[in-house]
N, C-alpha and C. Protein backbone atom coordinates (compact mmCIF):
# COMPACT_ATOMS: atom_id res chain seq x y z
N MET A 1 188.24 119.80 -45.83
CA MET A 1 189.69 120.41 -46.82
C MET A 1 189.99 119.61 -47.87
N THR A 2 190.16 120.28 -48.35
CA THR A 2 190.85 120.08 -50.16
C THR A 2 192.08 118.96 -50.44
N GLU A 3 191.65 118.47 -51.13
CA GLU A 3 193.24 117.41 -51.14
C GLU A 3 194.54 118.95 -51.08
N SER A 4 194.23 120.27 -52.05
CA SER A 4 195.59 120.86 -51.93
C SER A 4 195.42 121.89 -51.15
N GLU A 5 194.18 122.06 -50.08
CA GLU A 5 194.88 122.62 -48.80
C GLU A 5 195.23 121.72 -47.67
N ILE A 6 195.86 120.76 -47.11
CA ILE A 6 195.76 119.78 -46.61
C ILE A 6 197.72 119.63 -47.35
N TYR A 7 198.26 120.02 -48.46
CA TYR A 7 199.38 119.69 -49.00
C TYR A 7 199.82 121.43 -48.36
N GLU A 8 198.91 122.57 -48.15
CA GLU A 8 199.46 123.29 -47.95
C GLU A 8 200.19 123.19 -46.58
N GLN A 9 198.69 122.85 -45.88
CA GLN A 9 199.28 122.55 -44.45
C GLN A 9 200.65 121.89 -44.02
N ILE A 10 200.79 120.88 -45.08
CA ILE A 10 201.86 119.97 -44.23
C ILE A 10 202.90 120.72 -44.80
N LYS A 11 202.88 121.60 -45.94
CA LYS A 11 204.23 122.61 -46.10
C LYS A 11 204.48 122.63 -45.86
N ASN A 12 203.18 123.93 -44.94
CA ASN A 12 203.50 124.81 -44.13
C ASN A 12 204.03 123.96 -42.89
N ALA A 13 203.69 123.09 -42.01
CA ALA A 13 204.42 122.37 -40.82
C ALA A 13 206.34 121.67 -41.16
N LEU A 14 206.00 121.80 -42.32
CA LEU A 14 207.48 121.00 -42.77
C LEU A 14 208.61 122.06 -42.63
N ALA A 15 207.55 123.66 -43.65
CA ALA A 15 208.51 124.67 -42.71
C ALA A 15 209.25 124.97 -42.02
N ASP A 16 207.92 124.81 -40.78
CA ASP A 16 208.46 125.41 -39.41
C ASP A 16 208.90 124.52 -38.59
N ALA A 17 208.99 123.06 -39.38
CA ALA A 17 210.11 122.06 -37.91
C ALA A 17 211.53 122.69 -38.41
N PRO A 18 211.90 122.27 -36.70
CA PRO A 18 213.32 122.64 -37.28
C PRO A 18 214.30 121.59 -37.57
N ARG A 19 215.24 122.02 -37.97
CA ARG A 19 215.96 121.28 -38.97
C ARG A 19 216.12 119.99 -38.05
N ASN A 20 216.20 119.77 -37.16
CA ASN A 20 216.79 118.34 -36.37
C ASN A 20 215.31 117.89 -35.99
N GLN A 21 213.96 118.23 -36.49
CA GLN A 21 212.60 116.66 -36.98
C GLN A 21 212.08 117.08 -37.49
N TYR A 22 212.49 117.12 -39.34
CA TYR A 22 211.40 117.70 -40.11
C TYR A 22 211.07 116.08 -40.58
N THR A 23 211.97 114.94 -40.55
CA THR A 23 211.46 114.16 -40.62
C THR A 23 210.15 113.92 -40.14
N VAL A 24 210.88 113.36 -38.49
CA VAL A 24 209.49 113.55 -37.60
C VAL A 24 208.69 114.29 -38.43
N GLU A 25 208.95 115.38 -38.63
CA GLU A 25 207.34 116.31 -39.10
C GLU A 25 206.00 115.85 -40.14
N MET A 26 207.40 115.19 -40.91
CA MET A 26 207.21 115.16 -41.82
C MET A 26 205.82 113.55 -42.11
N HIS A 27 206.74 112.59 -40.93
CA HIS A 27 206.31 111.17 -40.63
C HIS A 27 204.51 111.43 -39.59
N LEU A 28 204.67 112.74 -38.45
CA LEU A 28 203.36 113.22 -38.16
C LEU A 28 202.49 113.34 -39.20
N GLN A 29 202.34 114.59 -39.85
CA GLN A 29 201.71 114.70 -41.40
C GLN A 29 201.26 113.67 -42.18
N MET A 30 202.35 113.11 -41.74
CA MET A 30 201.40 111.74 -42.86
C MET A 30 200.38 111.09 -42.37
N ILE A 31 200.66 110.54 -41.23
CA ILE A 31 199.58 110.22 -40.34
C ILE A 31 198.65 110.89 -40.10
N LYS A 32 198.59 112.23 -39.70
CA LYS A 32 197.54 113.05 -39.12
C LYS A 32 196.60 113.58 -40.38
N TYR A 33 197.25 113.28 -41.61
CA TYR A 33 196.05 113.25 -43.14
C TYR A 33 195.56 112.19 -43.62
N ALA A 34 196.08 111.21 -43.16
CA ALA A 34 196.39 109.89 -44.15
C ALA A 34 194.82 109.26 -43.79
N ASP A 35 193.55 109.43 -43.92
CA ASP A 35 192.19 109.16 -43.88
C ASP A 35 191.82 109.65 -44.78
N GLN A 36 191.99 111.27 -45.42
CA GLN A 36 191.82 112.03 -46.48
C GLN A 36 192.60 112.16 -47.25
N LEU A 37 193.57 111.23 -47.62
CA LEU A 37 194.45 111.45 -48.81
C LEU A 37 194.26 109.58 -48.52
N LYS A 38 193.29 109.22 -48.80
CA LYS A 38 193.37 107.61 -49.13
C LYS A 38 193.02 106.84 -50.48
N SER A 39 192.68 108.25 -50.65
CA SER A 39 192.87 107.57 -52.10
C SER A 39 193.96 108.52 -53.01
N VAL A 40 195.25 108.67 -52.40
CA VAL A 40 195.92 109.40 -53.04
C VAL A 40 196.88 108.72 -54.01
N THR A 41 197.82 108.64 -55.01
CA THR A 41 199.15 107.78 -54.47
C THR A 41 200.46 108.10 -53.97
N ALA A 42 200.87 107.99 -54.10
CA ALA A 42 202.32 108.09 -53.18
C ALA A 42 202.68 108.84 -53.62
N LYS A 43 202.85 108.48 -55.58
CA LYS A 43 203.70 109.48 -56.40
C LYS A 43 202.92 110.93 -56.00
N GLU A 44 202.17 110.67 -56.64
CA GLU A 44 200.64 112.26 -56.62
C GLU A 44 200.84 113.11 -54.62
N PHE A 45 201.58 112.38 -54.01
CA PHE A 45 201.24 113.14 -52.41
C PHE A 45 202.95 113.65 -52.76
N CYS A 46 203.97 113.16 -53.09
CA CYS A 46 205.15 113.38 -53.16
C CYS A 46 205.11 114.86 -53.96
N GLU A 47 204.41 114.76 -54.93
CA GLU A 47 204.64 116.13 -56.47
C GLU A 47 203.44 116.96 -55.85
N GLY A 48 202.49 116.65 -54.70
CA GLY A 48 201.60 118.21 -53.84
C GLY A 48 202.13 118.36 -53.41
N VAL A 49 203.40 118.04 -52.05
CA VAL A 49 203.54 117.93 -51.46
C VAL A 49 205.26 119.49 -51.68
N GLY A 50 205.50 118.64 -52.95
CA GLY A 50 206.75 118.97 -53.32
C GLY A 50 208.58 117.87 -52.35
N LEU A 51 207.90 116.88 -52.06
CA LEU A 51 208.75 116.06 -51.89
C LEU A 51 209.42 115.18 -53.21
N LYS A 52 210.91 114.41 -52.68
CA LYS A 52 210.88 113.40 -53.70
C LYS A 52 210.77 112.69 -53.99
N PRO A 53 210.33 111.66 -54.55
CA PRO A 53 209.80 110.90 -55.19
C PRO A 53 210.08 109.94 -54.57
N SER A 54 210.79 109.98 -53.49
CA SER A 54 212.11 108.49 -52.89
C SER A 54 211.05 109.00 -51.92
N PHE A 55 210.27 109.48 -50.79
CA PHE A 55 209.09 109.86 -50.19
C PHE A 55 208.08 109.32 -49.86
N GLY A 56 208.09 108.56 -51.30
CA GLY A 56 206.14 107.80 -51.70
C GLY A 56 206.83 106.86 -50.03
N ALA A 57 207.26 105.44 -50.65
CA ALA A 57 207.24 104.87 -49.10
C ALA A 57 207.12 104.88 -47.66
N GLU A 58 207.62 106.05 -47.70
CA GLU A 58 207.55 106.36 -46.44
C GLU A 58 206.26 107.13 -46.47
N PHE A 59 205.51 107.08 -47.36
CA PHE A 59 203.89 107.89 -47.27
C PHE A 59 203.10 106.51 -47.50
N SER A 60 203.83 105.75 -47.65
CA SER A 60 202.94 103.96 -47.98
C SER A 60 202.60 103.12 -46.17
N LYS A 61 203.87 103.52 -45.81
CA LYS A 61 204.55 103.22 -44.44
C LYS A 61 203.87 103.72 -43.26
N MET A 62 203.54 104.91 -43.92
CA MET A 62 202.51 105.59 -42.22
C MET A 62 201.74 105.83 -42.51
N ARG A 63 200.25 105.57 -43.87
CA ARG A 63 199.05 105.27 -44.43
C ARG A 63 198.44 103.81 -43.65
N ASN A 64 200.33 102.91 -44.09
CA ASN A 64 199.68 101.41 -43.33
C ASN A 64 200.50 101.46 -42.53
N LEU A 65 200.72 102.28 -41.38
CA LEU A 65 200.70 102.65 -39.42
C LEU A 65 199.81 103.11 -38.90
N THR A 66 199.48 104.13 -40.15
CA THR A 66 198.10 104.58 -39.26
C THR A 66 196.57 104.10 -38.89
N GLN A 67 196.52 102.96 -39.78
CA GLN A 67 195.51 101.54 -39.41
C GLN A 67 195.52 101.20 -38.59
N ARG A 68 196.86 100.66 -37.44
CA ARG A 68 197.12 100.11 -36.97
C ARG A 68 197.28 100.51 -35.46
N LEU A 69 197.98 101.81 -35.56
CA LEU A 69 198.04 103.21 -34.29
C LEU A 69 196.48 104.19 -33.72
N LYS A 70 195.30 103.70 -35.58
CA LYS A 70 194.39 103.96 -35.00
C LYS A 70 193.38 102.80 -34.24
N ALA A 71 193.68 101.70 -34.12
CA ALA A 71 193.28 100.37 -33.92
C ALA A 71 193.60 100.60 -32.33
N ALA A 72 194.95 100.97 -31.95
CA ALA A 72 195.25 100.59 -30.67
C ALA A 72 194.61 102.11 -29.79
N GLY A 73 193.46 102.85 -30.28
CA GLY A 73 193.06 104.39 -29.67
C GLY A 73 193.75 105.31 -30.04
N LEU A 74 194.27 105.68 -31.23
CA LEU A 74 194.67 107.03 -31.42
C LEU A 74 193.69 107.82 -32.30
N ASN A 75 193.95 108.92 -31.94
CA ASN A 75 192.37 110.07 -32.63
C ASN A 75 193.71 110.47 -33.38
N THR A 76 193.73 110.53 -34.20
CA THR A 76 194.62 111.65 -35.18
C THR A 76 193.43 113.52 -35.74
N ASP A 77 192.73 113.61 -34.77
CA ASP A 77 192.11 114.63 -35.10
C ASP A 77 193.30 115.40 -34.31
N LEU A 78 193.74 115.23 -32.93
CA LEU A 78 194.22 115.55 -32.09
C LEU A 78 195.45 115.94 -32.16
N LEU A 79 196.26 115.18 -33.21
CA LEU A 79 197.40 115.60 -33.50
C LEU A 79 198.08 117.25 -34.56
């Protein structure tokens, strides 16, 4: 899957998320695609998905958290 396809998948997931679950869905999508977006900067991610630049810190946190979750057994392919 290309970077632009990943961004489209994330945009669609966020658009379909219930209003009170938007942030949860955003974090889940960041974790789901963390490995494919390893070389993407937080700024590039926000621009690609159409998020405010302030969400860049969340992207960095979720990418770091993904390493720990995978070490504990999380299979991101199942998300």
